[in-house]
Structure formats: C-alpha cells, structure tokens
Amino acid sequence: MTKRSDDPERGFTLEDPPQREAGRESLPSVDFSTFVLSLATSALYHMGLGPDPSGETTPEKNLPLARQTIDTLEMLQEKTRGNLDEQEAKLLESVLYELRMDFVRADR
C-alpha cells in the first residue's frame, strides 16, 4: 500500500498487485460465488467433513467455528437480500441449506 498525498483522511490506498512470474499460476479472481463457496468449505472443514488442506489428516470437529461460519453466511444473506442476481441468491440459499443439514448430522 502506498500513502496517498491527495487524500490525507484516508491515509492509504491499495496498489495493483505485483506481476506474477511467467509460468506461475495466479490466484483466481474473487467474486461473490467464490467467496460463498470458500466460507462453505471452511464450515465443512470445521464440521470434520472436509479434507485437511495438507491432505495428511482428517480434521478435528470444531462445531462452534462451523456454527460461526454458517451464521456469517446467514448474515451475508440477510444483508445482501435484494442485491444479488438470481443465480447468486440461489447459490447462497442452497449452500446454507446443505450446511445446516450437515451441521445437524455432525452434531450427533
């Protein structure tokens, strides 16, 4: 980040990310759907249903963290109601339904 001299109240502004070296993969762009799916994957992981990122072990259940992530998605659904396109709204609704069902099973 660099300091902006034309806007002293803000103090800082983001710069363009550095260019990647040739042959190296770049990260995918983040859109609403990617963000929702990322949070869903995190919730599944905390329920002990997703693979460990290293692929070496099965993750331990941490149901409070799973619940918090589901709550975050619910808040996102509430705060974005009326501002999502049809596909985004359906994705969020579907993901929440599946996570709630998985949570009930994981809590047994």
N, C-alpha and C. Protein backbone atom coordinates (compact mmCIF):
# COMPACT_ATOMS: atom_id res chain seq x y z
N MET A 1 0.84 -1.17 0.00
CA MET A 1 0.00 0.00 0.00
C MET A 1 0.88 1.23 0.00
N THR A 2 0.39 2.23 -0.63
CA THR A 2 1.14 3.48 -0.66
C THR A 2 0.28 4.59 -0.10
N LYS A 3 0.94 5.56 0.49
CA LYS A 3 0.24 6.71 1.04
C LYS A 3 -0.21 7.63 -0.08
N ARG A 4 -1.45 8.06 0.01
CA ARG A 4 -1.99 8.98 -1.00
C ARG A 4 -1.79 10.39 -0.50
N SER A 5 -1.14 11.21 -1.29
CA SER A 5 -0.93 12.59 -0.88
C SER A 5 -2.16 13.45 -1.17
N ASP A 6 -3.06 12.97 -2.07
CA ASP A 6 -4.22 13.77 -2.43
C ASP A 6 -5.42 13.54 -1.51
N ASP A 7 -5.33 12.61 -0.57
CA ASP A 7 -6.44 12.31 0.32
C ASP A 7 -5.91 11.99 1.71
N PRO A 8 -5.58 13.03 2.49
CA PRO A 8 -4.95 12.80 3.79
C PRO A 8 -5.85 12.07 4.79
N GLU A 9 -7.18 12.15 4.65
CA GLU A 9 -8.06 11.47 5.59
C GLU A 9 -7.97 9.96 5.45
N ARG A 10 -7.85 9.46 4.24
CA ARG A 10 -7.79 8.01 4.01
C ARG A 10 -6.45 7.45 4.40
N GLY A 11 -5.40 8.18 4.15
CA GLY A 11 -4.07 7.74 4.55
C GLY A 11 -3.41 6.76 3.61
N PHE A 12 -4.11 5.69 3.21
CA PHE A 12 -3.51 4.67 2.38
C PHE A 12 -4.48 4.26 1.28
N THR A 13 -3.91 3.74 0.21
CA THR A 13 -4.72 3.19 -0.88
C THR A 13 -4.03 1.92 -1.37
N LEU A 14 -4.80 1.05 -1.96
CA LEU A 14 -4.23 -0.19 -2.46
C LEU A 14 -3.50 0.03 -3.78
N GLU A 15 -2.45 -0.70 -3.97
CA GLU A 15 -1.73 -0.69 -5.23
C GLU A 15 -2.14 -1.90 -6.04
N ASP A 16 -1.83 -1.89 -7.32
CA ASP A 16 -2.02 -3.09 -8.13
C ASP A 16 -1.06 -4.15 -7.62
N PRO A 17 -1.50 -5.42 -7.62
CA PRO A 17 -0.60 -6.48 -7.15
C PRO A 17 0.59 -6.61 -8.08
N PRO A 18 1.72 -7.08 -7.56
CA PRO A 18 2.88 -7.26 -8.42
C PRO A 18 2.59 -8.32 -9.49
N GLN A 19 3.22 -8.17 -10.62
CA GLN A 19 3.02 -9.12 -11.71
C GLN A 19 3.64 -10.46 -11.34
N ARG A 20 2.98 -11.53 -11.73
CA ARG A 20 3.47 -12.88 -11.48
C ARG A 20 4.55 -13.24 -12.49
N GLU A 21 5.46 -14.08 -12.04
CA GLU A 21 6.48 -14.57 -12.95
C GLU A 21 5.85 -15.48 -13.99
N ALA A 22 6.43 -15.53 -15.15
CA ALA A 22 5.93 -16.41 -16.21
C ALA A 22 5.94 -17.85 -15.74
N GLY A 23 4.88 -18.59 -16.05
CA GLY A 23 4.79 -19.99 -15.70
C GLY A 23 4.22 -20.25 -14.31
N ARG A 24 4.01 -19.22 -13.50
CA ARG A 24 3.44 -19.41 -12.17
C ARG A 24 1.96 -19.14 -12.23
N GLU A 25 1.21 -19.97 -11.53
CA GLU A 25 -0.24 -19.79 -11.52
C GLU A 25 -0.61 -18.58 -10.69
N SER A 26 -1.61 -17.86 -11.15
CA SER A 26 -2.11 -16.75 -10.36
C SER A 26 -3.38 -17.20 -9.64
N LEU A 27 -3.71 -16.51 -8.58
CA LEU A 27 -4.91 -16.84 -7.83
C LEU A 27 -6.14 -16.49 -8.66
N PRO A 28 -7.21 -17.27 -8.51
CA PRO A 28 -8.43 -16.94 -9.25
C PRO A 28 -9.03 -15.64 -8.71
N SER A 29 -9.77 -14.97 -9.55
CA SER A 29 -10.42 -13.75 -9.09
C SER A 29 -11.51 -14.13 -8.09
N VAL A 30 -11.79 -13.24 -7.17
CA VAL A 30 -12.79 -13.50 -6.16
C VAL A 30 -14.07 -12.76 -6.56
N ASP A 31 -15.13 -13.53 -6.70
CA ASP A 31 -16.44 -12.94 -6.91
C ASP A 31 -17.34 -13.44 -5.79
N PHE A 32 -18.60 -13.07 -5.81
CA PHE A 32 -19.50 -13.44 -4.73
C PHE A 32 -19.60 -14.95 -4.56
N SER A 33 -19.75 -15.67 -5.66
CA SER A 33 -19.89 -17.12 -5.60
C SER A 33 -18.65 -17.78 -5.02
N THR A 34 -17.48 -17.34 -5.42
CA THR A 34 -16.23 -17.88 -4.91
C THR A 34 -16.13 -17.63 -3.41
N PHE A 35 -16.53 -16.46 -2.98
CA PHE A 35 -16.49 -16.10 -1.56
C PHE A 35 -17.43 -17.01 -0.75
N VAL A 36 -18.65 -17.20 -1.24
CA VAL A 36 -19.62 -18.06 -0.55
C VAL A 36 -19.09 -19.49 -0.47
N LEU A 37 -18.57 -19.99 -1.57
CA LEU A 37 -18.06 -21.37 -1.57
C LEU A 37 -16.84 -21.53 -0.67
N SER A 38 -16.04 -20.50 -0.57
CA SER A 38 -14.89 -20.53 0.32
C SER A 38 -15.34 -20.64 1.78
N LEU A 39 -16.34 -19.84 2.15
CA LEU A 39 -16.87 -19.92 3.51
C LEU A 39 -17.52 -21.28 3.77
N ALA A 40 -18.22 -21.81 2.78
CA ALA A 40 -18.86 -23.12 2.93
C ALA A 40 -17.81 -24.21 3.14
N THR A 41 -16.73 -24.14 2.40
CA THR A 41 -15.65 -25.11 2.56
C THR A 41 -15.06 -25.03 3.96
N SER A 42 -14.92 -23.83 4.47
CA SER A 42 -14.41 -23.64 5.82
C SER A 42 -15.36 -24.27 6.84
N ALA A 43 -16.65 -24.06 6.67
CA ALA A 43 -17.63 -24.66 7.59
C ALA A 43 -17.56 -26.18 7.54
N LEU A 44 -17.48 -26.75 6.35
CA LEU A 44 -17.37 -28.20 6.21
C LEU A 44 -16.12 -28.73 6.90
N TYR A 45 -15.03 -28.03 6.72
CA TYR A 45 -13.77 -28.41 7.37
C TYR A 45 -13.94 -28.44 8.89
N HIS A 46 -14.58 -27.41 9.45
CA HIS A 46 -14.77 -27.34 10.89
C HIS A 46 -15.76 -28.39 11.40
N MET A 47 -16.61 -28.90 10.52
CA MET A 47 -17.51 -30.00 10.91
C MET A 47 -16.80 -31.35 10.81
N GLY A 48 -15.57 -31.34 10.35
CA GLY A 48 -14.83 -32.57 10.19
C GLY A 48 -15.16 -33.30 8.90
N LEU A 49 -15.79 -32.60 7.95
CA LEU A 49 -16.23 -33.24 6.71
C LEU A 49 -15.33 -32.96 5.52
N GLY A 50 -14.50 -31.96 5.62
CA GLY A 50 -13.63 -31.63 4.50
C GLY A 50 -12.24 -32.17 4.74
N PRO A 51 -11.47 -32.32 3.69
CA PRO A 51 -10.10 -32.81 3.87
C PRO A 51 -9.21 -31.75 4.49
N ASP A 52 -8.23 -32.20 5.21
CA ASP A 52 -7.21 -31.31 5.73
C ASP A 52 -6.49 -30.70 4.54
N PRO A 53 -6.22 -29.39 4.55
CA PRO A 53 -5.54 -28.77 3.41
C PRO A 53 -4.24 -29.46 3.02
N SER A 54 -3.55 -30.05 3.99
CA SER A 54 -2.30 -30.74 3.67
C SER A 54 -2.57 -32.12 3.10
N GLY A 55 -3.79 -32.62 3.28
CA GLY A 55 -4.15 -33.94 2.78
C GLY A 55 -3.64 -35.07 3.65
N GLU A 56 -3.05 -34.73 4.79
CA GLU A 56 -2.41 -35.74 5.63
C GLU A 56 -3.33 -36.31 6.71
N THR A 57 -4.23 -35.50 7.24
CA THR A 57 -5.05 -35.95 8.35
C THR A 57 -6.51 -35.57 8.13
N THR A 58 -7.37 -36.19 8.90
CA THR A 58 -8.77 -35.81 8.93
C THR A 58 -8.91 -34.70 9.97
N PRO A 59 -9.56 -33.62 9.64
CA PRO A 59 -9.64 -32.51 10.59
C PRO A 59 -10.51 -32.87 11.80
N GLU A 60 -10.18 -32.27 12.93
CA GLU A 60 -11.00 -32.43 14.12
C GLU A 60 -12.23 -31.56 13.99
N LYS A 61 -13.32 -32.02 14.58
CA LYS A 61 -14.53 -31.21 14.59
C LYS A 61 -14.34 -30.01 15.50
N ASN A 62 -14.80 -28.88 15.02
CA ASN A 62 -14.87 -27.67 15.83
C ASN A 62 -16.22 -27.04 15.50
N LEU A 63 -17.27 -27.58 16.13
CA LEU A 63 -18.62 -27.16 15.79
C LEU A 63 -18.91 -25.69 16.10
N PRO A 64 -18.34 -25.11 17.16
CA PRO A 64 -18.57 -23.67 17.35
C PRO A 64 -18.06 -22.83 16.17
N LEU A 65 -16.90 -23.19 15.61
CA LEU A 65 -16.39 -22.45 14.45
C LEU A 65 -17.26 -22.71 13.21
N ALA A 66 -17.73 -23.94 13.06
CA ALA A 66 -18.64 -24.24 11.94
C ALA A 66 -19.91 -23.42 12.07
N ARG A 67 -20.47 -23.36 13.27
CA ARG A 67 -21.70 -22.58 13.51
C ARG A 67 -21.45 -21.10 13.21
N GLN A 68 -20.31 -20.59 13.62
CA GLN A 68 -20.00 -19.18 13.37
C GLN A 68 -19.91 -18.90 11.87
N THR A 69 -19.34 -19.80 11.12
CA THR A 69 -19.23 -19.61 9.68
C THR A 69 -20.61 -19.67 9.02
N ILE A 70 -21.46 -20.58 9.47
CA ILE A 70 -22.83 -20.64 8.95
C ILE A 70 -23.57 -19.36 9.31
N ASP A 71 -23.39 -18.88 10.53
CA ASP A 71 -24.00 -17.61 10.94
C ASP A 71 -23.53 -16.45 10.07
N THR A 72 -22.26 -16.48 9.70
CA THR A 72 -21.72 -15.44 8.82
C THR A 72 -22.40 -15.47 7.46
N LEU A 73 -22.60 -16.67 6.93
CA LEU A 73 -23.30 -16.80 5.64
C LEU A 73 -24.75 -16.35 5.76
N GLU A 74 -25.39 -16.64 6.90
CA GLU A 74 -26.76 -16.18 7.11
C GLU A 74 -26.83 -14.66 7.16
N MET A 75 -25.86 -14.04 7.85
CA MET A 75 -25.81 -12.59 7.90
C MET A 75 -25.60 -12.00 6.51
N LEU A 76 -24.72 -12.64 5.75
CA LEU A 76 -24.47 -12.19 4.39
C LEU A 76 -25.74 -12.28 3.55
N GLN A 77 -26.50 -13.35 3.73
CA GLN A 77 -27.76 -13.50 3.01
C GLN A 77 -28.74 -12.38 3.38
N GLU A 78 -28.83 -12.09 4.67
CA GLU A 78 -29.74 -11.04 5.12
C GLU A 78 -29.32 -9.67 4.61
N LYS A 79 -28.05 -9.38 4.70
CA LYS A 79 -27.55 -8.04 4.32
C LYS A 79 -27.53 -7.81 2.81
N THR A 80 -27.51 -8.89 2.04
CA THR A 80 -27.47 -8.72 0.57
C THR A 80 -28.83 -8.98 -0.08
N ARG A 81 -29.84 -9.29 0.72
CA ARG A 81 -31.18 -9.57 0.17
C ARG A 81 -31.62 -8.44 -0.75
N GLY A 82 -32.02 -8.81 -1.96
CA GLY A 82 -32.46 -7.82 -2.94
C GLY A 82 -31.34 -7.24 -3.78
N ASN A 83 -30.10 -7.56 -3.45
CA ASN A 83 -28.96 -7.02 -4.18
C ASN A 83 -28.19 -8.08 -4.96
N LEU A 84 -28.63 -9.32 -4.89
CA LEU A 84 -27.96 -10.40 -5.60
C LEU A 84 -28.73 -10.74 -6.86
N ASP A 85 -28.01 -11.26 -7.86
CA ASP A 85 -28.74 -11.75 -9.02
C ASP A 85 -29.34 -13.10 -8.64
N GLU A 86 -30.20 -13.62 -9.49
CA GLU A 86 -30.94 -14.84 -9.17
C GLU A 86 -30.01 -16.02 -8.89
N GLN A 87 -28.98 -16.16 -9.67
CA GLN A 87 -28.04 -17.27 -9.51
C GLN A 87 -27.29 -17.17 -8.18
N GLU A 88 -26.86 -15.98 -7.81
CA GLU A 88 -26.15 -15.79 -6.54
C GLU A 88 -27.06 -16.09 -5.36
N ALA A 89 -28.30 -15.62 -5.42
CA ALA A 89 -29.26 -15.85 -4.34
C ALA A 89 -29.54 -17.34 -4.18
N LYS A 90 -29.71 -18.05 -5.30
CA LYS A 90 -29.96 -19.49 -5.24
C LYS A 90 -28.76 -20.23 -4.68
N LEU A 91 -27.57 -19.83 -5.08
CA LEU A 91 -26.36 -20.48 -4.56
C LEU A 91 -26.29 -20.32 -3.05
N LEU A 92 -26.49 -19.12 -2.56
CA LEU A 92 -26.39 -18.86 -1.13
C LEU A 92 -27.47 -19.64 -0.37
N GLU A 93 -28.67 -19.67 -0.89
CA GLU A 93 -29.75 -20.42 -0.25
C GLU A 93 -29.44 -21.91 -0.21
N SER A 94 -28.96 -22.45 -1.31
CA SER A 94 -28.63 -23.86 -1.40
C SER A 94 -27.48 -24.23 -0.48
N VAL A 95 -26.43 -23.42 -0.47
CA VAL A 95 -25.27 -23.68 0.38
C VAL A 95 -25.68 -23.66 1.85
N LEU A 96 -26.50 -22.69 2.23
CA LEU A 96 -26.94 -22.62 3.62
C LEU A 96 -27.78 -23.84 4.00
N TYR A 97 -28.66 -24.26 3.13
CA TYR A 97 -29.48 -25.44 3.41
C TYR A 97 -28.59 -26.66 3.65
N GLU A 98 -27.67 -26.90 2.74
CA GLU A 98 -26.78 -28.06 2.85
C GLU A 98 -25.91 -27.99 4.11
N LEU A 99 -25.39 -26.82 4.41
CA LEU A 99 -24.54 -26.68 5.61
C LEU A 99 -25.35 -26.92 6.88
N ARG A 100 -26.58 -26.43 6.92
CA ARG A 100 -27.41 -26.66 8.10
C ARG A 100 -27.68 -28.15 8.29
N MET A 101 -27.97 -28.85 7.21
CA MET A 101 -28.21 -30.29 7.30
C MET A 101 -26.95 -31.03 7.74
N ASP A 102 -25.81 -30.65 7.19
CA ASP A 102 -24.53 -31.27 7.58
C ASP A 102 -24.22 -30.98 9.04
N PHE A 103 -24.53 -29.78 9.48
CA PHE A 103 -24.28 -29.41 10.87
C PHE A 103 -25.09 -30.27 11.82
N VAL A 104 -26.36 -30.49 11.50
CA VAL A 104 -27.22 -31.33 12.35
C VAL A 104 -26.64 -32.74 12.43
N ARG A 105 -26.20 -33.29 11.31
CA ARG A 105 -25.61 -34.63 11.31
C ARG A 105 -24.29 -34.65 12.09
N ALA A 106 -23.49 -33.61 11.95
CA ALA A 106 -22.18 -33.56 12.63
C ALA A 106 -22.34 -33.40 14.14
N ASP A 107 -23.46 -32.82 14.56
CA ASP A 107 -23.68 -32.54 15.97
C ASP A 107 -24.21 -33.76 16.72
N ARG A 108 -24.45 -34.87 16.05
CA ARG A 108 -24.98 -36.09 16.70
C ARG A 108 -23.92 -36.82 17.45
